[in-house]
């Protein structure tokens, strides 16, 4: 479900992604373009995260985003 949300709302989410993970460049965000696998790969590359750590941070971020987004409605 997070992958669908990321892809569908990428234009809204990418600023928050940049704030959360400041080592990601604008070019990185353009490359990701809502693709969960690409984002996870870049988190591993830029932060030296193991796959599990990248997935955990991503899941926590998306859970917070979904919770925050649903309260805005």
N, C-alpha and C. Protein backbone atom coordinates (compact mmCIF):
# COMPACT_ATOMS: atom_id res chain seq x y z
N UNK A 1 0.81 -1.19 0.00
CA UNK A 1 0.00 0.00 0.00
C UNK A 1 0.86 1.27 0.00
N UNK A 2 1.95 1.27 0.76
CA UNK A 2 2.83 2.44 0.79
C UNK A 2 3.38 2.76 -0.58
N UNK A 3 3.70 1.72 -1.37
CA UNK A 3 4.25 1.94 -2.70
C UNK A 3 3.24 2.68 -3.57
N UNK A 4 1.97 2.31 -3.46
CA UNK A 4 0.92 2.97 -4.24
C UNK A 4 0.75 4.43 -3.82
N UNK A 5 0.80 4.67 -2.52
CA UNK A 5 0.67 6.04 -2.01
C UNK A 5 1.85 6.88 -2.47
N UNK A 6 3.06 6.31 -2.35
CA UNK A 6 4.26 7.04 -2.76
C UNK A 6 4.17 7.44 -4.23
N UNK A 7 3.79 6.49 -5.06
CA UNK A 7 3.70 6.75 -6.50
C UNK A 7 2.60 7.77 -6.81
N UNK A 8 1.44 7.59 -6.20
CA UNK A 8 0.29 8.45 -6.50
C UNK A 8 0.41 9.86 -5.97
N UNK A 9 1.15 10.04 -4.88
CA UNK A 9 1.24 11.36 -4.25
C UNK A 9 2.68 11.88 -4.23
N UNK A 10 3.50 11.41 -5.14
CA UNK A 10 4.91 11.75 -5.14
C UNK A 10 5.15 13.25 -5.11
N UNK A 11 4.42 14.00 -5.93
CA UNK A 11 4.64 15.45 -6.00
C UNK A 11 4.40 16.10 -4.64
N UNK A 12 3.45 15.58 -3.87
CA UNK A 12 3.17 16.11 -2.53
C UNK A 12 4.21 15.64 -1.51
N UNK A 13 4.63 14.40 -1.64
CA UNK A 13 5.47 13.76 -0.63
C UNK A 13 6.94 14.12 -0.78
N UNK A 14 7.41 14.40 -2.00
CA UNK A 14 8.86 14.51 -2.20
C UNK A 14 9.52 15.60 -1.38
N UNK A 15 8.82 16.69 -1.10
CA UNK A 15 9.39 17.73 -0.23
C UNK A 15 9.63 17.21 1.17
N UNK A 16 8.69 16.41 1.65
CA UNK A 16 8.83 15.82 2.98
C UNK A 16 9.94 14.76 3.00
N UNK A 17 10.09 14.05 1.88
CA UNK A 17 11.18 13.08 1.75
C UNK A 17 12.52 13.81 1.83
N UNK A 18 12.62 14.92 1.13
CA UNK A 18 13.86 15.73 1.13
C UNK A 18 14.16 16.26 2.54
N UNK A 19 13.12 16.67 3.26
CA UNK A 19 13.31 17.16 4.63
C UNK A 19 13.78 16.03 5.54
N UNK A 20 13.16 14.88 5.42
CA UNK A 20 13.50 13.72 6.27
C UNK A 20 14.90 13.21 5.97
N UNK A 21 15.21 13.06 4.68
CA UNK A 21 16.50 12.50 4.27
C UNK A 21 17.25 13.55 3.44
N UNK A 22 17.87 14.50 4.13
CA UNK A 22 18.52 15.64 3.50
C UNK A 22 19.70 15.31 2.61
N UNK A 23 20.25 14.10 2.74
CA UNK A 23 21.37 13.72 1.87
C UNK A 23 20.91 13.39 0.46
N UNK A 24 19.61 13.22 0.26
CA UNK A 24 19.10 12.96 -1.08
C UNK A 24 19.08 14.27 -1.86
N UNK A 25 19.63 14.23 -3.05
CA UNK A 25 19.70 15.43 -3.89
C UNK A 25 18.41 15.59 -4.70
N UNK A 26 18.26 16.75 -5.31
CA UNK A 26 17.12 16.96 -6.20
C UNK A 26 17.16 15.96 -7.36
N UNK A 27 18.36 15.67 -7.85
CA UNK A 27 18.50 14.66 -8.92
C UNK A 27 18.05 13.29 -8.43
N UNK A 28 18.39 12.96 -7.17
CA UNK A 28 17.94 11.69 -6.60
C UNK A 28 16.41 11.63 -6.59
N UNK A 29 15.78 12.71 -6.16
CA UNK A 29 14.32 12.73 -6.08
C UNK A 29 13.70 12.63 -7.47
N UNK A 30 14.34 13.23 -8.46
CA UNK A 30 13.86 13.10 -9.83
C UNK A 30 13.98 11.66 -10.30
N UNK A 31 15.08 11.01 -9.93
CA UNK A 31 15.30 9.61 -10.29
C UNK A 31 14.26 8.71 -9.63
N UNK A 32 13.96 8.96 -8.37
CA UNK A 32 12.99 8.14 -7.63
C UNK A 32 11.62 8.22 -8.27
N UNK A 33 11.16 9.45 -8.52
CA UNK A 33 9.86 9.71 -9.16
C UNK A 33 8.75 8.77 -8.68
N UNK A 34 8.69 8.58 -7.35
CA UNK A 34 7.62 7.78 -6.76
C UNK A 34 7.86 6.29 -6.72
N UNK A 35 9.06 5.85 -7.11
CA UNK A 35 9.37 4.42 -7.13
C UNK A 35 9.98 4.00 -5.79
N UNK A 36 9.25 3.16 -5.08
CA UNK A 36 9.67 2.73 -3.74
C UNK A 36 11.04 2.04 -3.75
N UNK A 37 11.27 1.16 -4.70
CA UNK A 37 12.54 0.43 -4.76
C UNK A 37 13.71 1.37 -4.99
N UNK A 38 13.52 2.35 -5.85
CA UNK A 38 14.59 3.32 -6.10
C UNK A 38 14.88 4.14 -4.85
N UNK A 39 13.83 4.53 -4.13
CA UNK A 39 14.03 5.29 -2.90
C UNK A 39 14.78 4.46 -1.87
N UNK A 40 14.38 3.22 -1.70
CA UNK A 40 15.06 2.35 -0.74
C UNK A 40 16.53 2.17 -1.12
N UNK A 41 16.80 2.00 -2.41
CA UNK A 41 18.18 1.85 -2.87
C UNK A 41 19.01 3.10 -2.59
N UNK A 42 18.42 4.26 -2.80
CA UNK A 42 19.15 5.51 -2.53
C UNK A 42 19.37 5.73 -1.04
N UNK A 43 18.42 5.32 -0.22
CA UNK A 43 18.63 5.42 1.23
C UNK A 43 19.81 4.54 1.65
N UNK A 44 19.90 3.37 1.06
CA UNK A 44 21.03 2.49 1.35
C UNK A 44 22.34 3.13 0.89
N UNK A 45 22.32 3.69 -0.29
CA UNK A 45 23.53 4.27 -0.88
C UNK A 45 23.97 5.53 -0.14
N UNK A 46 23.08 6.47 0.07
CA UNK A 46 23.44 7.76 0.66
C UNK A 46 23.71 7.68 2.16
N UNK A 47 23.00 6.79 2.85
CA UNK A 47 23.12 6.72 4.31
C UNK A 47 23.87 5.49 4.80
N UNK A 48 24.21 4.59 3.89
CA UNK A 48 24.91 3.37 4.29
C UNK A 48 24.02 2.41 5.06
N UNK A 49 22.71 2.56 4.89
CA UNK A 49 21.75 1.69 5.57
C UNK A 49 21.79 0.28 4.99
N UNK A 50 21.59 -0.70 5.86
CA UNK A 50 21.28 -2.05 5.40
C UNK A 50 19.85 -2.00 4.85
N UNK A 51 19.50 -2.98 4.05
CA UNK A 51 18.16 -3.02 3.45
C UNK A 51 17.07 -2.94 4.53
N UNK A 52 17.24 -3.70 5.61
CA UNK A 52 16.24 -3.72 6.69
C UNK A 52 16.05 -2.33 7.30
N UNK A 53 17.13 -1.61 7.52
CA UNK A 53 17.08 -0.27 8.11
C UNK A 53 16.38 0.70 7.16
N UNK A 54 16.71 0.62 5.87
CA UNK A 54 16.07 1.48 4.88
C UNK A 54 14.56 1.22 4.85
N UNK A 55 14.18 -0.05 4.85
CA UNK A 55 12.76 -0.40 4.83
C UNK A 55 12.05 0.08 6.10
N UNK A 56 12.71 -0.07 7.24
CA UNK A 56 12.12 0.35 8.51
C UNK A 56 11.90 1.86 8.54
N UNK A 57 12.92 2.64 8.16
CA UNK A 57 12.79 4.10 8.14
C UNK A 57 11.71 4.54 7.16
N UNK A 58 11.69 3.91 6.00
CA UNK A 58 10.69 4.24 4.98
C UNK A 58 9.28 3.95 5.49
N UNK A 59 9.10 2.79 6.09
CA UNK A 59 7.78 2.40 6.61
C UNK A 59 7.32 3.38 7.68
N UNK A 60 8.21 3.73 8.60
CA UNK A 60 7.86 4.69 9.65
C UNK A 60 7.48 6.05 9.06
N UNK A 61 8.24 6.49 8.06
CA UNK A 61 7.94 7.75 7.40
C UNK A 61 6.57 7.70 6.74
N UNK A 62 6.30 6.64 5.99
CA UNK A 62 5.03 6.53 5.28
C UNK A 62 3.86 6.39 6.25
N UNK A 63 4.06 5.65 7.33
CA UNK A 63 2.99 5.52 8.34
C UNK A 63 2.63 6.89 8.91
N UNK A 64 3.64 7.70 9.21
CA UNK A 64 3.39 9.05 9.72
C UNK A 64 2.72 9.92 8.65
N UNK A 65 3.18 9.79 7.40
CA UNK A 65 2.60 10.58 6.32
C UNK A 65 1.12 10.23 6.14
N UNK A 66 0.80 8.94 6.10
CA UNK A 66 -0.58 8.51 5.91
C UNK A 66 -1.45 8.99 7.06
N UNK A 67 -0.93 8.88 8.28
CA UNK A 67 -1.68 9.33 9.45
C UNK A 67 -1.91 10.84 9.39
N UNK A 68 -0.88 11.60 9.07
CA UNK A 68 -0.99 13.06 8.97
C UNK A 68 -1.92 13.46 7.83
N UNK A 69 -1.77 12.80 6.69
CA UNK A 69 -2.58 13.11 5.52
C UNK A 69 -4.06 12.86 5.80
N UNK A 70 -4.38 11.79 6.51
CA UNK A 70 -5.78 11.47 6.78
C UNK A 70 -6.42 12.45 7.76
N UNK A 71 -5.62 13.08 8.61
CA UNK A 71 -6.18 14.06 9.55
C UNK A 71 -6.41 15.42 8.89
N UNK A 72 -5.83 15.64 7.72
CA UNK A 72 -6.02 16.90 7.00
C UNK A 72 -7.37 16.94 6.29
N UNK A 73 -7.99 15.79 6.13
CA UNK A 73 -9.26 15.73 5.39
C UNK A 73 -10.42 16.14 6.22
